[in-house]
Protein backbone atom coordinates (compact mmCIF):
# COMPACT_ATOMS: atom_id res chain seq x y z
CA MET A 1 20.26 -46.98 -29.83
CA SER A 2 23.79 -45.59 -29.71
CA GLU A 3 26.42 -46.80 -27.27
CA GLN A 4 26.28 -43.50 -25.38
CA GLN A 5 22.52 -43.68 -25.00
CA SER A 6 22.60 -47.26 -23.82
CA ARG A 7 24.44 -46.13 -20.69
CA TYR A 8 21.32 -44.35 -19.38
CA ARG A 9 17.61 -44.40 -20.19
CA VAL A 10 16.94 -41.68 -22.75
CA TYR A 11 13.59 -39.87 -22.68
CA SER A 12 13.07 -39.54 -26.44
CA THR A 13 13.67 -43.25 -26.93
CA HIS A 14 11.29 -44.07 -24.07
CA LEU A 15 8.52 -41.92 -25.58
CA LYS A 16 8.92 -43.56 -28.99
CA GLN A 17 8.67 -46.99 -27.40
CA LYS A 18 5.69 -45.97 -25.28
CA PHE A 19 3.61 -44.26 -27.98
CA GLY A 20 4.90 -46.02 -31.09
CA GLU A 21 6.32 -42.85 -32.65
CA LYS A 22 8.05 -39.61 -31.72
CA VAL A 23 6.08 -37.42 -29.32
CA TYR A 24 6.69 -33.72 -28.69
CA LYS A 25 6.00 -31.57 -25.63
CA LEU A 26 4.00 -28.39 -26.14
CA PRO A 27 4.67 -25.85 -23.35
CA ILE A 28 1.67 -24.04 -21.88
CA ASN A 29 2.03 -20.90 -19.78
CA LEU A 30 -0.82 -20.14 -17.38
CA PRO A 31 -1.31 -16.90 -15.44
CA GLY A 32 -0.43 -17.77 -11.88
CA SER A 33 1.84 -17.40 -8.96
CA CYS A 34 3.55 -19.47 -6.32
CA PRO A 35 2.74 -19.95 -2.63
CA ASN A 36 6.36 -19.18 -1.91
CA ARG A 37 5.95 -15.73 -3.46
CA ASP A 38 2.54 -14.52 -2.31
CA GLY A 39 2.96 -15.10 1.41
CA THR A 40 1.05 -18.39 1.74
CA VAL A 41 4.24 -20.25 2.69
CA GLY A 42 6.85 -17.55 2.08
CA GLN A 43 7.87 -14.35 0.35
CA GLY A 44 10.22 -13.79 -2.56
CA GLY A 45 10.28 -17.36 -3.85
CA CYS A 46 13.31 -19.62 -4.06
CA ILE A 47 16.54 -17.66 -3.95
CA PHE A 48 17.45 -18.79 -7.49
CA CYS A 49 14.06 -18.20 -9.14
CA ASP A 50 13.51 -15.28 -11.50
CA GLU A 51 10.23 -13.58 -12.31
CA GLU A 52 9.50 -15.90 -15.23
CA GLY A 53 9.01 -18.87 -12.92
CA ALA A 54 11.16 -21.24 -15.04
CA GLY A 55 8.87 -20.74 -18.02
CA PHE A 56 11.08 -18.43 -20.08
CA GLN A 57 10.59 -20.50 -23.26
CA CYS A 58 6.79 -20.34 -23.11
CA LEU A 59 4.39 -18.24 -25.14
CA PRO A 60 2.70 -15.31 -23.34
CA ASN A 61 0.09 -16.40 -20.80
CA THR A 62 -2.32 -13.88 -22.28
CA LEU A 63 -2.99 -16.47 -24.98
CA SER A 64 -5.54 -19.18 -24.23
CA VAL A 65 -4.52 -22.79 -23.68
CA GLN A 66 -5.84 -23.74 -27.12
CA GLU A 67 -4.08 -20.82 -28.82
CA GLN A 68 -0.76 -21.81 -27.25
CA LEU A 69 -1.27 -25.45 -28.21
CA ASN A 70 -2.16 -24.60 -31.80
CA SER A 71 0.79 -22.25 -32.24
CA ASN A 72 3.34 -24.69 -30.86
CA LYS A 73 1.74 -27.66 -32.57
CA GLU A 74 1.93 -26.07 -36.00
CA PHE A 75 5.65 -25.45 -35.56
CA PHE A 76 6.38 -29.11 -34.73
CA LYS A 77 4.07 -30.39 -37.45
CA ARG A 78 5.72 -28.19 -40.07
CA ARG A 79 9.30 -28.89 -38.97
CA PHE A 80 9.15 -32.52 -37.84
CA ASN A 81 5.90 -33.85 -39.29
CA ALA A 82 4.82 -34.52 -35.68
CA ARG A 83 1.45 -36.12 -34.97
CA LYS A 84 1.34 -36.78 -31.21
CA PHE A 85 1.88 -34.29 -28.41
CA ILE A 86 2.08 -33.89 -24.63
CA ALA A 87 0.52 -30.71 -23.25
CA TYR A 88 3.14 -29.43 -20.81
CA PHE A 89 1.92 -26.99 -18.16
CA GLN A 90 5.37 -25.64 -17.45
CA ALA A 91 5.73 -22.26 -15.77
CA PHE A 92 5.07 -21.51 -12.10
CA THR A 93 2.88 -23.82 -9.96
CA ASN A 94 0.06 -25.17 -12.08
CA THR A 95 -1.98 -26.74 -9.29
CA TYR A 96 -1.85 -23.50 -7.29
CA LEU A 97 -5.03 -22.29 -8.95
CA PRO A 98 -8.71 -22.34 -7.95
CA LEU A 99 -9.99 -25.85 -8.60
CA GLU A 100 -12.49 -24.77 -11.26
CA THR A 101 -9.84 -22.77 -13.12
CA PHE A 102 -7.52 -25.77 -13.01
CA LYS A 103 -10.29 -28.00 -14.41
CA GLN A 104 -11.04 -25.60 -17.27
CA ASN A 105 -7.38 -25.38 -18.32
CA ILE A 106 -6.85 -29.14 -18.26
CA ALA A 107 -10.11 -29.78 -20.11
CA ALA A 108 -9.06 -27.31 -22.83
CA ALA A 109 -5.76 -29.12 -23.33
CA VAL A 110 -7.15 -32.65 -23.52
CA SER A 111 -9.91 -31.60 -25.93
CA ASP A 112 -7.23 -31.51 -28.63
CA ASN A 113 -7.29 -34.86 -30.42
CA ASP A 114 -3.53 -34.77 -31.05
CA VAL A 115 -2.77 -34.58 -27.31
CA VAL A 116 -1.92 -38.03 -25.92
CA GLY A 117 -0.67 -36.86 -22.53
CA ILE A 118 -0.51 -34.02 -20.05
CA SER A 119 2.44 -33.05 -17.91
CA ILE A 120 1.77 -30.71 -15.00
CA SER A 121 4.61 -28.89 -13.26
CA THR A 122 3.99 -28.05 -9.60
CA ARG A 123 5.40 -27.98 -6.08
CA PRO A 124 5.15 -30.79 -3.52
CA ASP A 125 3.13 -28.57 -1.17
CA CYS A 126 0.56 -27.88 -3.91
CA VAL A 127 -0.47 -31.48 -4.56
CA ASN A 128 -4.02 -31.97 -3.30
CA ASP A 129 -6.40 -34.95 -3.46
CA ARG A 130 -9.24 -33.02 -5.13
CA TYR A 131 -7.03 -31.93 -8.02
CA LEU A 132 -5.62 -35.44 -8.41
CA ASP A 133 -9.13 -36.94 -8.34
CA PHE A 134 -10.17 -34.63 -11.16
CA LEU A 135 -7.16 -35.73 -13.23
CA LEU A 136 -8.04 -39.36 -12.59
CA ASP A 137 -11.65 -38.75 -13.62
CA ILE A 138 -10.71 -36.98 -16.84
CA GLN A 139 -8.20 -39.73 -17.65
CA GLN A 140 -10.81 -42.44 -17.16
CA ARG A 141 -13.43 -40.62 -19.24
CA HIS A 142 -11.11 -39.59 -22.07
CA HIS A 143 -11.97 -40.93 -25.52
CA GLN A 144 -8.43 -42.29 -26.01
CA PRO A 145 -5.66 -43.39 -23.60
CA LEU A 146 -4.37 -40.31 -21.80
CA ASP A 147 -0.97 -40.28 -20.11
CA VAL A 148 -0.85 -38.17 -16.93
CA ASN A 149 2.48 -37.05 -15.55
CA ILE A 150 3.17 -34.76 -12.56
CA GLU A 151 6.45 -32.86 -12.44
CA LEU A 152 7.62 -32.09 -8.90
CA GLY A 153 10.35 -29.58 -8.20
CA LEU A 154 12.41 -30.97 -5.34
CA GLN A 155 15.95 -29.74 -6.21
CA THR A 156 17.62 -31.70 -3.39
CA VAL A 157 16.82 -34.23 -0.67
CA ASN A 158 18.98 -32.24 1.76
CA TYR A 159 16.35 -30.52 3.90
CA HIS A 160 18.94 -28.13 5.30
CA THR A 161 19.69 -26.94 1.76
CA LEU A 162 15.94 -26.72 1.04
CA GLN A 163 15.71 -24.25 3.90
CA LYS A 164 18.82 -22.41 2.69
CA VAL A 165 17.36 -21.85 -0.78
CA ASN A 166 13.98 -20.84 0.71
CA ARG A 167 12.00 -23.59 -0.98
CA GLY A 168 9.11 -23.16 1.45
CA HIS A 169 8.68 -26.93 1.89
CA THR A 170 10.73 -29.78 3.27
CA LEU A 171 11.43 -33.34 2.19
CA ALA A 172 8.32 -34.59 4.00
CA GLU A 173 5.97 -32.69 1.68
CA PHE A 174 7.69 -34.24 -1.32
CA ILE A 175 7.22 -37.77 0.04
CA ASP A 176 3.56 -37.02 0.83
CA ALA A 177 2.97 -35.70 -2.70
CA VAL A 178 4.62 -38.78 -4.24
CA GLN A 179 2.41 -41.13 -2.25
CA ARG A 180 -0.77 -39.27 -3.22
CA ILE A 181 0.18 -39.18 -6.91
CA HIS A 182 1.16 -42.84 -6.95
CA SER A 183 -2.16 -43.83 -5.38
CA ARG A 184 -3.77 -42.64 -8.65
CA LYS A 185 -1.10 -44.49 -10.67
CA PHE A 186 0.19 -41.31 -12.31
CA GLU A 187 3.87 -41.11 -13.21
CA ILE A 188 6.18 -38.57 -11.57
CA CYS A 189 9.09 -36.54 -12.89
CA THR A 190 11.38 -35.03 -10.25
CA HIS A 191 13.60 -31.99 -10.82
CA LEU A 192 17.00 -31.88 -9.11
CA ILE A 193 19.84 -29.34 -9.08
CA LEU A 194 23.00 -31.40 -8.60
CA ASN A 195 25.40 -28.56 -7.89
CA LEU A 196 23.70 -26.48 -5.21
CA PRO A 197 26.55 -24.87 -3.24
CA TRP A 198 25.47 -26.44 0.06
CA ASP A 199 25.28 -30.03 -1.23
CA ASP A 200 28.10 -32.54 -1.55
CA ASP A 201 28.62 -35.99 -3.08
CA LEU A 202 26.67 -37.68 -0.28
CA ASP A 203 23.65 -35.57 -1.15
CA VAL A 204 24.06 -36.52 -4.82
CA ILE A 205 23.98 -40.21 -3.88
CA GLU A 206 21.03 -39.77 -1.53
CA ASN A 207 19.13 -37.94 -4.29
CA ALA A 208 19.47 -41.05 -6.45
CA LYS A 209 18.64 -43.44 -3.62
CA LEU A 210 15.48 -41.64 -2.52
CA LEU A 211 14.08 -41.29 -6.04
CA SER A 212 14.78 -44.98 -6.63
CA ALA A 213 13.19 -46.06 -3.34
CA LEU A 214 10.06 -44.00 -4.04
CA GLY A 215 9.55 -45.40 -7.52
CA ILE A 216 9.93 -42.12 -9.42
CA LYS A 217 9.54 -42.64 -13.19
CA TYR A 218 11.41 -39.66 -14.64
CA VAL A 219 14.11 -37.24 -13.53
CA LYS A 220 15.31 -33.89 -14.84
CA LEU A 221 18.78 -32.83 -13.77
CA HIS A 222 19.69 -29.16 -13.77
CA SER A 223 22.95 -27.31 -13.34
CA LEU A 224 22.59 -24.22 -11.21
CA TYR A 225 22.27 -20.95 -13.10
CA VAL A 226 22.41 -17.52 -11.46
CA VAL A 227 20.15 -14.68 -12.55
CA LYS A 228 20.50 -10.97 -11.82
CA ASN A 229 18.14 -9.38 -9.31
CA THR A 230 17.60 -12.58 -7.35
CA VAL A 231 18.77 -13.36 -3.82
CA LEU A 232 21.16 -15.95 -5.24
CA GLY A 233 22.43 -13.40 -7.75
CA ASP A 234 23.20 -10.93 -4.98
CA MET A 235 24.98 -13.65 -2.99
CA TYR A 236 26.99 -14.64 -6.06
CA GLN A 237 28.11 -11.08 -6.71
CA ARG A 238 29.17 -10.71 -3.06
CA GLY A 239 31.18 -13.92 -3.27
CA ASP A 240 29.13 -15.67 -0.58
CA PHE A 241 29.48 -19.04 -2.32
CA SER A 242 31.37 -20.66 -5.17
CA ILE A 243 30.04 -22.89 -7.93
CA VAL A 244 31.69 -26.24 -8.53
CA THR A 245 33.67 -26.70 -11.72
CA LYS A 246 32.16 -28.14 -14.87
CA GLU A 247 34.24 -31.27 -14.33
CA GLU A 248 32.82 -31.69 -10.84
CA TYR A 249 29.28 -31.28 -12.14
CA ILE A 250 29.93 -33.99 -14.72
CA ASN A 251 31.30 -36.25 -11.97
CA ARG A 252 28.19 -35.61 -9.87
CA VAL A 253 25.91 -36.56 -12.76
CA ILE A 254 27.81 -39.80 -13.29
CA THR A 255 27.69 -40.63 -9.58
CA PHE A 256 23.96 -39.91 -9.54
CA LEU A 257 23.36 -42.17 -12.53
CA GLU A 258 25.40 -45.02 -11.04
CA TYR A 259 23.19 -45.13 -7.93
CA LEU A 260 19.91 -44.56 -9.78
CA ASP A 261 17.40 -47.32 -10.50
CA PRO A 262 18.12 -48.28 -14.13
CA GLY A 263 14.38 -48.18 -14.86
CA ILE A 264 14.12 -44.42 -14.23
CA VAL A 265 14.02 -42.38 -17.44
CA ILE A 266 16.37 -39.39 -17.76
CA GLN A 267 14.58 -36.44 -19.29
CA ARG A 268 17.53 -34.08 -18.93
CA LEU A 269 21.19 -34.27 -17.88
CA VAL A 270 21.82 -30.54 -17.74
CA GLY A 271 19.56 -27.50 -17.88
CA LYS A 272 19.87 -24.06 -19.39
CA GLY A 273 19.00 -20.63 -18.12
CA PRO A 274 17.07 -17.72 -19.64
CA GLN A 275 18.69 -15.73 -22.42
CA GLU A 276 18.91 -12.48 -20.50
CA ASP A 277 20.15 -11.23 -17.12
CA LEU A 278 22.39 -14.22 -16.45
CA LEU A 279 25.36 -13.95 -14.11
CA PHE A 280 26.33 -17.59 -14.52
CA SER A 281 25.12 -20.50 -16.63
CA ASN A 282 26.81 -23.75 -17.58
CA TRP A 283 30.39 -22.46 -17.32
CA ASN A 284 29.91 -20.44 -20.53
CA THR A 285 29.42 -23.72 -22.39
CA SER A 286 26.38 -24.96 -24.27
CA TRP A 287 24.17 -27.48 -22.48
CA TRP A 288 24.55 -29.79 -25.47
CA SER A 289 28.35 -29.78 -25.14
CA ILE A 290 28.12 -30.66 -21.43
CA LYS A 291 25.68 -33.48 -22.24
CA GLN A 292 28.16 -34.87 -24.76
CA GLU A 293 30.97 -34.64 -22.21
CA ILE A 294 28.90 -36.64 -19.72
CA GLU A 295 28.22 -39.30 -22.33
CA ARG A 296 31.90 -39.48 -23.30
CA LYS A 297 32.98 -39.87 -19.69
CA LEU A 298 30.43 -42.62 -19.07
CA LYS A 299 32.03 -44.49 -21.94
CA GLU A 300 35.60 -43.76 -20.78
CA LEU A 301 34.85 -45.02 -17.27
CA ASP A 302 32.83 -47.94 -18.65
CA THR A 303 30.04 -47.09 -16.25
CA TYR A 304 26.27 -46.73 -16.61
CA GLN A 305 22.97 -45.95 -14.92
CA GLY A 306 22.26 -48.41 -12.11
CA LYS A 307 25.77 -49.81 -11.77
CA LYS A 308 25.60 -49.27 -7.99
CA PHE A 309 21.85 -49.84 -7.63
CA ASN A 310 22.18 -52.56 -4.99
CA TYR A 311 20.93 -50.95 -1.78
CA LEU A 312 17.18 -51.71 -1.63
CA ASN A 313 15.28 -54.82 -0.46
CA GLY A 314 17.38 -55.46 2.64
CA LYS A 315 20.92 -55.22 1.29
CA ALA A 316 22.48 -56.42 4.55
CA VAL A 317 20.29 -59.54 4.68
CA ARG A 318 20.89 -60.32 1.03
CA GLU A 319 24.64 -60.04 1.43
CA LYS A 320 24.82 -61.91 4.71
CA PHE A 321 22.74 -64.89 3.59
CA GLU A 322 23.45 -64.68 -0.16
CA LEU A 323 19.79 -64.29 -1.02
């Protein structure tokens, strides 16, 4: 492991250690919607969300689950000689489907012998016991060990900002979803946007503290991108808010990592937006370049993930009585 990587827990390294070899994610795009779009909890969706539902890199959802898996799998096999895969249900809210439809899609994915895990992207307010019980049942009956991971979009622990961006749920729903998922011993990946205009450094720190306290396994960090024809895009063009500088985003990532449990695996340090209709994305810099800048600054500051992870298990008592 390189010196830069040793300063935070890298996802690719974790997967290799966990499965004994490199593992690749195969994105799956299901026809679906979102309760924050169809009127169940709100209309219009989150103010930053475009029509693709964060699945702009997926194959068309007119293809079956098996067709998407086979197409993506062949690419990774041909290019990287890959042998093990995680079926990644990526776009929209994948548990916001009729239960039987959900079962059929999951069953189709795990029927592939090369699939060693499933990762299901959803919202905290769409995590239900009956869906989780099905996942537990299929995991227990599977012919080989099957890793089950639930990806929860939170974006921020600041419930005022959650309301501002029209998430349609609050922090309480996230905590409830985490508890239900953990009761089945599934791992959780949480998505966060570290530079939402209404958040500050205290929110960045609290993001790290809450994920650590709740025992989250993975985290994906995103930088905010702005897409045309969204509420956020209209606000951006009117000058209703400003986006922090690239340097400030890098500082926020480092602060987040310092307060984060060192056992949490970092799947992503910075995101990227769709190819078209962007008003702003990553300060006109590649995501890879920003990632490298973060790693360089970690080294320059001689800091690392978990450096300030000292706040759980009764910090005041430990410090007072030197426990």
